[in-house]
PDB file of all heavy atoms in Angstrom:
ATOM      1  N   GLY A   1       0.813  -1.204   0.000  1.00  0.00           N
ATOM      2  CA  GLY A   1       0.000   0.000   0.000  1.00  0.00           C
ATOM      3  C   GLY A   1       0.847   1.254   0.000  1.00  0.00           C
ATOM      4  O   GLY A   1       2.021   1.235  -0.395  1.00  0.00           O
ATOM      5  N   ILE A   2       0.261   2.360   0.464  1.00  0.00           N
ATOM      6  CA  ILE A   2       0.909   3.675   0.427  1.00  0.00           C
ATOM      7  C   ILE A   2       1.045   4.235   1.837  1.00  0.00           C
ATOM      8  O   ILE A   2       0.129   4.125   2.655  1.00  0.00           O
ATOM      9  CB  ILE A   2       0.087   4.661  -0.425  1.00  0.00           C
ATOM     10  CG1 ILE A   2       0.066   4.223  -1.882  1.00  0.00           C
ATOM     11  CG2 ILE A   2       0.640   6.086  -0.319  1.00  0.00           C
ATOM     12  CD1 ILE A   2      -0.852   5.067  -2.746  1.00  0.00           C
ATOM     13  N   SER A   3       2.183   4.874   2.094  1.00  0.00           N
ATOM     14  CA  SER A   3       2.378   5.664   3.304  1.00  0.00           C
ATOM     15  C   SER A   3       2.646   7.101   2.894  1.00  0.00           C
ATOM     16  O   SER A   3       3.579   7.363   2.137  1.00  0.00           O
ATOM     17  CB  SER A   3       3.560   5.139   4.130  1.00  0.00           C
ATOM     18  OG  SER A   3       3.270   3.905   4.728  1.00  0.00           O
ATOM     19  N   LYS A   4       1.812   8.028   3.390  1.00  0.00           N
ATOM     20  CA  LYS A   4       2.022   9.451   3.122  1.00  0.00           C
ATOM     21  C   LYS A   4       2.590  10.113   4.369  1.00  0.00           C
ATOM     22  O   LYS A   4       1.979  10.073   5.442  1.00  0.00           O
ATOM     23  CB  LYS A   4       0.705  10.122   2.710  1.00  0.00           C
ATOM     24  CG  LYS A   4       0.882  11.614   2.368  1.00  0.00           C
ATOM     25  CD  LYS A   4      -0.379  12.230   1.802  1.00  0.00           C
ATOM     26  CE  LYS A   4      -1.410  12.494   2.878  1.00  0.00           C
ATOM     27  NZ  LYS A   4      -2.525  13.345   2.391  1.00  0.00           N
ATOM     28  N   LEU A   5       3.775  10.714   4.224  1.00  0.00           N
ATOM     29  CA  LEU A   5       4.411  11.410   5.338  1.00  0.00           C
ATOM     30  C   LEU A   5       3.930  12.855   5.348  1.00  0.00           C
ATOM     31  O   LEU A   5       4.241  13.636   4.451  1.00  0.00           O
ATOM     32  CB  LEU A   5       5.930  11.353   5.209  1.00  0.00           C
ATOM     33  CG  LEU A   5       6.743  11.999   6.331  1.00  0.00           C
ATOM     34  CD1 LEU A   5       6.473  11.302   7.663  1.00  0.00           C
ATOM     35  CD2 LEU A   5       8.232  11.965   6.008  1.00  0.00           C
ATOM     36  N   SER A   6       3.156  13.196   6.362  1.00  0.00           N
ATOM     37  CA  SER A   6       2.574  14.530   6.474  1.00  0.00           C
ATOM     38  C   SER A   6       2.755  15.030   7.903  1.00  0.00           C
ATOM     39  O   SER A   6       2.309  14.378   8.847  1.00  0.00           O
ATOM     40  CB  SER A   6       1.089  14.502   6.105  1.00  0.00           C
ATOM     41  OG  SER A   6       0.507  15.786   6.198  1.00  0.00           O
ATOM     42  N   ASP A   7       3.427  16.177   8.048  1.00  0.00           N
ATOM     43  CA  ASP A   7       3.678  16.769   9.373  1.00  0.00           C
ATOM     44  C   ASP A   7       4.368  15.783  10.309  1.00  0.00           C
ATOM     45  O   ASP A   7       4.063  15.701  11.506  1.00  0.00           O
ATOM     46  CB  ASP A   7       2.369  17.264  10.003  1.00  0.00           C
ATOM     47  CG  ASP A   7       1.722  18.393   9.209  1.00  0.00           C
ATOM     48  OD1 ASP A   7       2.474  19.207   8.635  1.00  0.00           O
ATOM     49  OD2 ASP A   7       0.486  18.447   9.150  1.00  0.00           O
ATOM     50  N   GLY A   8       5.291  15.011   9.752  1.00  0.00           N
ATOM     51  CA  GLY A   8       6.093  14.110  10.564  1.00  0.00           C
ATOM     52  C   GLY A   8       5.466  12.781  10.894  1.00  0.00           C
ATOM     53  O   GLY A   8       6.079  11.962  11.603  1.00  0.00           O
ATOM     54  N   ALA A   9       4.253  12.507  10.407  1.00  0.00           N
ATOM     55  CA  ALA A   9       3.572  11.246  10.709  1.00  0.00           C
ATOM     56  C   ALA A   9       3.166  10.543   9.422  1.00  0.00           C
ATOM     57  O   ALA A   9       2.892  11.185   8.398  1.00  0.00           O
ATOM     58  CB  ALA A   9       2.346  11.494  11.580  1.00  0.00           C
ATOM     59  N   PHE A  10       3.134   9.214   9.461  1.00  0.00           N
ATOM     60  CA  PHE A  10       2.724   8.425   8.308  1.00  0.00           C
ATOM     61  C   PHE A  10       1.218   8.181   8.331  1.00  0.00           C
ATOM     62  O   PHE A  10       0.661   7.771   9.353  1.00  0.00           O
ATOM     63  CB  PHE A  10       3.453   7.077   8.290  1.00  0.00           C
ATOM     64  CG  PHE A  10       4.920   7.174   7.983  1.00  0.00           C
ATOM     65  CD1 PHE A  10       5.870   6.966   8.973  1.00  0.00           C
ATOM     66  CD2 PHE A  10       5.356   7.480   6.705  1.00  0.00           C
ATOM     67  CE1 PHE A  10       7.214   7.050   8.696  1.00  0.00           C
ATOM     68  CE2 PHE A  10       6.707   7.570   6.412  1.00  0.00           C
ATOM     69  CZ  PHE A  10       7.643   7.357   7.416  1.00  0.00           C
ATOM     70  N   ILE A  11       0.572   8.450   7.193  1.00  0.00           N
ATOM     71  CA  ILE A  11      -0.839   8.119   6.985  1.00  0.00           C
ATOM     72  C   ILE A  11      -0.869   7.003   5.943  1.00  0.00           C
ATOM     73  O   ILE A  11      -0.346   7.183   4.826  1.00  0.00           O
ATOM     74  CB  ILE A  11      -1.642   9.331   6.494  1.00  0.00           C
ATOM     75  CG1 ILE A  11      -1.501  10.495   7.484  1.00  0.00           C
ATOM     76  CG2 ILE A  11      -3.109   8.970   6.302  1.00  0.00           C
ATOM     77  CD1 ILE A  11      -2.058  11.804   6.957  1.00  0.00           C
ATOM     78  N   ASN A  12      -1.466   5.872   6.285  1.00  0.00           N
ATOM     79  CA  ASN A  12      -1.390   4.693   5.431  1.00  0.00           C
ATOM     80  C   ASN A  12      -2.694   4.430   4.673  1.00  0.00           C
ATOM     81  O   ASN A  12      -3.790   4.663   5.188  1.00  0.00           O
ATOM     82  CB  ASN A  12      -1.012   3.465   6.259  1.00  0.00           C
ATOM     83  CG  ASN A  12       0.382   3.588   6.858  1.00  0.00           C
ATOM     84  OD1 ASN A  12       1.263   4.208   6.261  1.00  0.00           O
ATOM     85  ND2 ASN A  12       0.587   3.005   8.026  1.00  0.00           N
ATOM     86  N   PHE A  13      -2.523   3.944   3.433  1.00  0.00           N
ATOM     87  CA  PHE A  13      -3.658   3.607   2.567  1.00  0.00           C
ATOM     88  C   PHE A  13      -3.431   2.210   1.996  1.00  0.00           C
ATOM     89  O   PHE A  13      -2.327   1.880   1.558  1.00  0.00           O
ATOM     90  CB  PHE A  13      -3.805   4.603   1.416  1.00  0.00           C
ATOM     91  CG  PHE A  13      -3.971   6.036   1.859  1.00  0.00           C
ATOM     92  CD1 PHE A  13      -2.872   6.866   2.015  1.00  0.00           C
ATOM     93  CD2 PHE A  13      -5.236   6.558   2.120  1.00  0.00           C
ATOM     94  CE1 PHE A  13      -3.023   8.181   2.407  1.00  0.00           C
ATOM     95  CE2 PHE A  13      -5.400   7.878   2.520  1.00  0.00           C
ATOM     96  CZ  PHE A  13      -4.289   8.698   2.665  1.00  0.00           C
ATOM     97  N   SER A  14      -4.496   1.430   1.960  1.00  0.00           N
ATOM     98  CA  SER A  14      -4.449   0.100   1.357  1.00  0.00           C
ATOM     99  C   SER A  14      -5.802  -0.170   0.701  1.00  0.00           C
ATOM    100  O   SER A  14      -6.645   0.719   0.601  1.00  0.00           O
ATOM    101  CB  SER A  14      -4.137  -0.961   2.419  1.00  0.00           C
ATOM    102  OG  SER A  14      -5.224  -1.073   3.328  1.00  0.00           O
ATOM    103  N   VAL A  15      -6.015  -1.393   0.265  1.00  0.00           N
ATOM    104  CA  VAL A  15      -7.299  -1.740  -0.343  1.00  0.00           C
ATOM    105  C   VAL A  15      -8.444  -1.539   0.646  1.00  0.00           C
ATOM    106  O   VAL A  15      -9.586  -1.291   0.266  1.00  0.00           O
ATOM    107  CB  VAL A  15      -7.293  -3.190  -0.874  1.00  0.00           C
ATOM    108  CG1 VAL A  15      -6.374  -3.323  -2.070  1.00  0.00           C
ATOM    109  CG2 VAL A  15      -6.891  -4.179   0.219  1.00  0.00           C
ATOM    110  N   GLN A  16      -8.133  -1.620   1.937  1.00  0.00           N
ATOM    111  CA  GLN A  16      -9.162  -1.396   2.955  1.00  0.00           C
ATOM    112  C   GLN A  16      -9.634   0.053   2.986  1.00  0.00           C
ATOM    113  O   GLN A  16     -10.730   0.339   3.463  1.00  0.00           O
ATOM    114  CB  GLN A  16      -8.617  -1.801   4.329  1.00  0.00           C
ATOM    115  CG  GLN A  16      -8.334  -3.278   4.460  1.00  0.00           C
ATOM    116  CD  GLN A  16      -7.766  -3.643   5.822  1.00  0.00           C
ATOM    117  OE1 GLN A  16      -7.241  -2.790   6.531  1.00  0.00           O
ATOM    118  NE2 GLN A  16      -7.867  -4.917   6.184  1.00  0.00           N
ATOM    119  N   ASN A  17      -8.788   0.961   2.460  1.00  0.00           N
ATOM    120  CA  ASN A  17      -9.161   2.379   2.393  1.00  0.00           C
ATOM    121  C   ASN A  17      -9.639   2.804   1.009  1.00  0.00           C
ATOM    122  O   ASN A  17      -9.894   3.983   0.783  1.00  0.00           O
ATOM    123  CB  ASN A  17      -7.967   3.252   2.791  1.00  0.00           C
ATOM    124  CG  ASN A  17      -7.366   2.847   4.114  1.00  0.00           C
ATOM    125  OD1 ASN A  17      -6.310   2.220   4.155  1.00  0.00           O
ATOM    126  ND2 ASN A  17      -8.037   3.195   5.206  1.00  0.00           N
ATOM    127  N   GLY A  18      -9.741   1.829   0.080  1.00  0.00           N
ATOM    128  CA  GLY A  18     -10.248   2.143  -1.248  1.00  0.00           C
ATOM    129  C   GLY A  18      -9.257   2.003  -2.377  1.00  0.00           C
ATOM    130  O   GLY A  18      -9.626   2.175  -3.549  1.00  0.00           O
ATOM    131  N   LEU A  19      -7.977   1.713  -2.077  1.00  0.00           N
ATOM    132  CA  LEU A  19      -7.001   1.492  -3.145  1.00  0.00           C
ATOM    133  C   LEU A  19      -7.414   0.306  -4.010  1.00  0.00           C
ATOM    134  O   LEU A  19      -7.966  -0.675  -3.515  1.00  0.00           O
ATOM    135  CB  LEU A  19      -5.619   1.224  -2.565  1.00  0.00           C
ATOM    136  CG  LEU A  19      -4.699   2.403  -2.253  1.00  0.00           C
ATOM    137  CD1 LEU A  19      -3.383   1.893  -1.690  1.00  0.00           C
ATOM    138  CD2 LEU A  19      -4.456   3.264  -3.472  1.00  0.00           C
ATOM    139  N   ILE A  20      -7.125   0.395  -5.288  1.00  0.00           N
ATOM    140  CA  ILE A  20      -7.495  -0.684  -6.200  1.00  0.00           C
ATOM    141  C   ILE A  20      -6.619  -1.912  -6.004  1.00  0.00           C
ATOM    142  O   ILE A  20      -7.031  -3.036  -6.274  1.00  0.00           O
ATOM    143  CB  ILE A  20      -7.430  -0.189  -7.668  1.00  0.00           C
ATOM    144  CG1 ILE A  20      -8.194  -1.138  -8.588  1.00  0.00           C
ATOM    145  CG2 ILE A  20      -5.991   0.000  -8.138  1.00  0.00           C
ATOM    146  CD1 ILE A  20      -8.420  -0.585  -9.967  1.00  0.00           C
ATOM    147  N   ASP A  21      -5.387  -1.702  -5.505  1.00  0.00           N
ATOM    148  CA  ASP A  21      -4.462  -2.809  -5.277  1.00  0.00           C
ATOM    149  C   ASP A  21      -3.372  -2.327  -4.330  1.00  0.00           C
ATOM    150  O   ASP A  21      -3.061  -1.139  -4.295  1.00  0.00           O
ATOM    151  CB  ASP A  21      -3.856  -3.293  -6.597  1.00  0.00           C
ATOM    152  CG  ASP A  21      -3.109  -4.608  -6.436  1.00  0.00           C
ATOM    153  OD1 ASP A  21      -3.772  -5.658  -6.352  1.00  0.00           O
ATOM    154  OD2 ASP A  21      -1.866  -4.577  -6.409  1.00  0.00           O
ATOM    155  N   ASN A  22      -2.789  -3.229  -3.570  1.00  0.00           N
ATOM    156  CA  ASN A  22      -1.754  -2.851  -2.606  1.00  0.00           C
ATOM    157  C   ASN A  22      -0.352  -2.793  -3.211  1.00  0.00           C
ATOM    158  O   ASN A  22       0.556  -2.224  -2.604  1.00  0.00           O
ATOM    159  CB  ASN A  22      -1.734  -3.824  -1.430  1.00  0.00           C
ATOM    160  CG  ASN A  22      -2.871  -3.573  -0.458  1.00  0.00           C
ATOM    161  OD1 ASN A  22      -3.411  -2.477  -0.383  1.00  0.00           O
ATOM    162  ND2 ASN A  22      -3.244  -4.600   0.289  1.00  0.00           N
ATOM    163  N   THR A  23      -0.162  -3.383  -4.384  1.00  0.00           N
ATOM    164  CA  THR A  23       1.151  -3.370  -5.026  1.00  0.00           C
ATOM    165  C   THR A  23       1.307  -2.083  -5.822  1.00  0.00           C
ATOM    166  O   THR A  23       0.730  -1.920  -6.898  1.00  0.00           O
ATOM    167  CB  THR A  23       1.321  -4.584  -5.953  1.00  0.00           C
ATOM    168  OG1 THR A  23       1.132  -5.781  -5.193  1.00  0.00           O
ATOM    169  CG2 THR A  23       2.705  -4.595  -6.573  1.00  0.00           C
ATOM    170  N   ILE A  24       2.097  -1.156  -5.289  1.00  0.00           N
ATOM    171  CA  ILE A  24       2.259   0.166  -5.900  1.00  0.00           C
ATOM    172  C   ILE A  24       3.501   0.168  -6.790  1.00  0.00           C
ATOM    173  O   ILE A  24       4.603  -0.163  -6.335  1.00  0.00           O
ATOM    174  CB  ILE A  24       2.390   1.260  -4.821  1.00  0.00           C
ATOM    175  CG1 ILE A  24       1.280   1.104  -3.770  1.00  0.00           C
ATOM    176  CG2 ILE A  24       2.374   2.637  -5.459  1.00  0.00           C
ATOM    177  CD1 ILE A  24      -0.126   1.170  -4.311  1.00  0.00           C
ATOM    178  N   ASN A  25       3.333   0.578  -8.050  1.00  0.00           N
ATOM    179  CA  ASN A  25       4.451   0.628  -8.989  1.00  0.00           C
ATOM    180  C   ASN A  25       4.973   2.040  -9.233  1.00  0.00           C
ATOM    181  O   ASN A  25       6.168   2.239  -9.429  1.00  0.00           O
ATOM    182  CB  ASN A  25       4.041   0.019 -10.337  1.00  0.00           C
ATOM    183  CG  ASN A  25       3.728  -1.449 -10.235  1.00  0.00           C
ATOM    184  OD1 ASN A  25       4.257  -2.157  -9.378  1.00  0.00           O
ATOM    185  ND2 ASN A  25       2.855  -1.931 -11.108  1.00  0.00           N
ATOM    186  N   CYS A  26       4.075   3.028  -9.254  1.00  0.00           N
ATOM    187  CA  CYS A  26       4.477   4.387  -9.597  1.00  0.00           C
ATOM    188  C   CYS A  26       3.428   5.372  -9.097  1.00  0.00           C
ATOM    189  O   CYS A  26       2.281   4.996  -8.827  1.00  0.00           O
ATOM    190  CB  CYS A  26       4.660   4.537 -11.110  1.00  0.00           C
ATOM    191  SG  CYS A  26       3.169   4.146 -12.071  1.00  0.00           S
ATOM    192  N   MET A  27       3.819   6.646  -8.985  1.00  0.00           N
ATOM    193  CA  MET A  27       2.901   7.702  -8.558  1.00  0.00           C
ATOM    194  C   MET A  27       3.222   8.982  -9.315  1.00  0.00           C
ATOM    195  O   MET A  27       4.375   9.242  -9.670  1.00  0.00           O
ATOM    196  CB  MET A  27       3.020   7.931  -7.050  1.00  0.00           C
ATOM    197  CG  MET A  27       2.544   6.752  -6.211  1.00  0.00           C
ATOM    198  SD  MET A  27       2.705   7.041  -4.425  1.00  0.00           S
ATOM    199  CE  MET A  27       4.487   6.986  -4.239  1.00  0.00           C
ATOM    200  N   TYR A  28       2.175   9.798  -9.547  1.00  0.00           N
ATOM    201  CA  TYR A  28       2.353  11.045 -10.293  1.00  0.00           C
ATOM    202  C   TYR A  28       1.297  12.055  -9.847  1.00  0.00           C
ATOM    203  O   TYR A  28       0.120  11.691  -9.689  1.00  0.00           O
ATOM    204  CB  TYR A  28       2.224  10.796 -11.805  1.00  0.00           C
ATOM    205  CG  TYR A  28       2.423  12.033 -12.648  1.00  0.00           C
ATOM    206  CD1 TYR A  28       3.703  12.464 -12.986  1.00  0.00           C
ATOM    207  CD2 TYR A  28       1.338  12.780 -13.093  1.00  0.00           C
ATOM    208  CE1 TYR A  28       3.898  13.607 -13.748  1.00  0.00           C
ATOM    209  CE2 TYR A  28       1.525  13.926 -13.852  1.00  0.00           C
ATOM    210  CZ  TYR A  28       2.805  14.341 -14.176  1.00  0.00           C
ATOM    211  OH  TYR A  28       2.995  15.475 -14.920  1.00  0.00           O
ATOM    212  N   GLU A  29       1.712  13.309  -9.645  1.00  0.00           N
ATOM    213  CA  GLU A  29       0.765  14.378  -9.323  1.00  0.00           C
ATOM    214  C   GLU A  29       0.532  15.239 -10.558  1.00  0.00           C
ATOM    215  O   GLU A  29       1.487  15.762 -11.149  1.00  0.00           O
ATOM    216  CB  GLU A  29       1.287  15.251  -8.190  1.00  0.00           C
ATOM    217  CG  GLU A  29       0.276  16.317  -7.750  1.00  0.00           C
ATOM    218  CD  GLU A  29       0.801  17.229  -6.648  1.00  0.00           C
ATOM    219  OE1 GLU A  29       2.042  17.308  -6.492  1.00  0.00           O
ATOM    220  OE2 GLU A  29      -0.015  17.871  -5.966  1.00  0.00           O
ATOM    221  N   ASP A  30      -0.727  15.394 -10.972  1.00  0.00           N
ATOM    222  CA  ASP A  30      -1.017  16.183 -12.167  1.00  0.00           C
ATOM    223  C   ASP A  30      -1.125  17.672 -11.829  1.00  0.00           C
ATOM    224  O   ASP A  30      -0.977  18.090 -10.677  1.00  0.00           O
ATOM    225  CB  ASP A  30      -2.273  15.665 -12.880  1.00  0.00           C
ATOM    226  CG  ASP A  30      -3.553  15.845 -12.069  1.00  0.00           C
ATOM    227  OD1 ASP A  30      -3.602  16.705 -11.170  1.00  0.00           O
ATOM    228  OD2 ASP A  30      -4.535  15.121 -12.348  1.00  0.00           O
ATOM    229  N   ALA A  31      -1.367  18.484 -12.841  1.00  0.00           N
ATOM    230  CA  ALA A  31      -1.391  19.938 -12.683  1.00  0.00           C
ATOM    231  C   ALA A  31      -2.522  20.409 -11.779  1.00  0.00           C
ATOM    232  O   ALA A  31      -2.462  21.519 -11.235  1.00  0.00           O
ATOM    233  CB  ALA A  31      -1.495  20.601 -14.049  1.00  0.00           C
ATOM    234  N   SER A  32      -3.543  19.583 -11.605  1.00  0.00           N
ATOM    235  CA  SER A  32      -4.668  19.937 -10.740  1.00  0.00           C
ATOM    236  C   SER A  32      -4.489  19.471  -9.304  1.00  0.00           C
ATOM    237  O   SER A  32      -5.365  19.689  -8.465  1.00  0.00           O
ATOM    238  CB  SER A  32      -5.973  19.345 -11.313  1.00  0.00           C
ATOM    239  OG  SER A  32      -6.227  19.858 -12.612  1.00  0.00           O
ATOM    240  N   GLY A  33      -3.371  18.819  -9.023  1.00  0.00           N
ATOM    241  CA  GLY A  33      -3.104  18.331  -7.675  1.00  0.00           C
ATOM    242  C   GLY A  33      -3.620  16.941  -7.393  1.00  0.00           C
ATOM    243  O   GLY A  33      -3.530  16.471  -6.253  1.00  0.00           O
ATOM    244  N   ASN A  34      -4.163  16.261  -8.405  1.00  0.00           N
ATOM    245  CA  ASN A  34      -4.590  14.877  -8.225  1.00  0.00           C
ATOM    246  C   ASN A  34      -3.375  13.958  -8.218  1.00  0.00           C
ATOM    247  O   ASN A  34      -2.464  14.117  -9.041  1.00  0.00           O
ATOM    248  CB  ASN A  34      -5.537  14.452  -9.348  1.00  0.00           C
ATOM    249  CG  ASN A  34      -6.759  15.335  -9.453  1.00  0.00           C
ATOM    250  OD1 ASN A  34      -7.455  15.550  -8.474  1.00  0.00           O
ATOM    251  ND2 ASN A  34      -7.014  15.871 -10.643  1.00  0.00           N
ATOM    252  N   VAL A  35      -3.361  12.988  -7.327  1.00  0.00           N
ATOM    253  CA  VAL A  35      -2.272  12.021  -7.256  1.00  0.00           C
ATOM    254  C   VAL A  35      -2.721  10.722  -7.911  1.00  0.00           C
ATOM    255  O   VAL A  35      -3.680  10.084  -7.468  1.00  0.00           O
ATOM    256  CB  VAL A  35      -1.835  11.776  -5.805  1.00  0.00           C
ATOM    257  CG1 VAL A  35      -0.796  10.662  -5.740  1.00  0.00           C
ATOM    258  CG2 VAL A  35      -1.263  13.054  -5.198  1.00  0.00           C
ATOM    259  N   TRP A  36      -2.029  10.366  -8.994  1.00  0.00           N
ATOM    260  CA  TRP A  36      -2.315   9.136  -9.731  1.00  0.00           C
ATOM    261  C   TRP A  36      -1.377   8.044  -9.232  1.00  0.00           C
ATOM    262  O   TRP A  36      -0.164   8.223  -9.197  1.00  0.00           O
ATOM    263  CB  TRP A  36      -2.110   9.361 -11.226  1.00  0.00           C
ATOM    264  CG  TRP A  36      -3.079  10.326 -11.845  1.00  0.00           C
ATOM    265  CD1 TRP A  36      -3.157  11.665 -11.607  1.00  0.00           C
ATOM    266  CD2 TRP A  36      -4.091  10.022 -12.795  1.00  0.00           C
ATOM    267  NE1 TRP A  36      -4.167  12.225 -12.353  1.00  0.00           N
ATOM    268  CE2 TRP A  36      -4.761  11.242 -13.097  1.00  0.00           C
ATOM    269  CE3 TRP A  36      -4.507   8.849 -13.434  1.00  0.00           C
ATOM    270  CZ2 TRP A  36      -5.813  11.307 -14.000  1.00  0.00           C
ATOM    271  CZ3 TRP A  36      -5.551   8.916 -14.337  1.00  0.00           C
ATOM    272  CH2 TRP A  36      -6.202  10.142 -14.614  1.00  0.00           C
ATOM    273  N   VAL A  37      -1.963   6.921  -8.867  1.00  0.00           N
ATOM    274  CA  VAL A  37      -1.190   5.809  -8.309  1.00  0.00           C
ATOM    275  C   VAL A  37      -1.331   4.604  -9.235  1.00  0.00           C
ATOM    276  O   VAL A  37      -2.427   4.070  -9.412  1.00  0.00           O
ATOM    277  CB  VAL A  37      -1.682   5.455  -6.895  1.00  0.00           C
ATOM    278  CG1 VAL A  37      -0.882   4.280  -6.341  1.00  0.00           C
ATOM    279  CG2 VAL A  37      -1.576   6.665  -5.972  1.00  0.00           C
TER     280      VAL A  37
END
């Protein structure tokens, strides 16, 4: 899954939080601020 480091703490995301899959290959932020995983 994903760990987001924000203000010194990790916020975790997995399929239990709505991710389509836990195996993360790449990430990209578009011009509108959307994060593509």
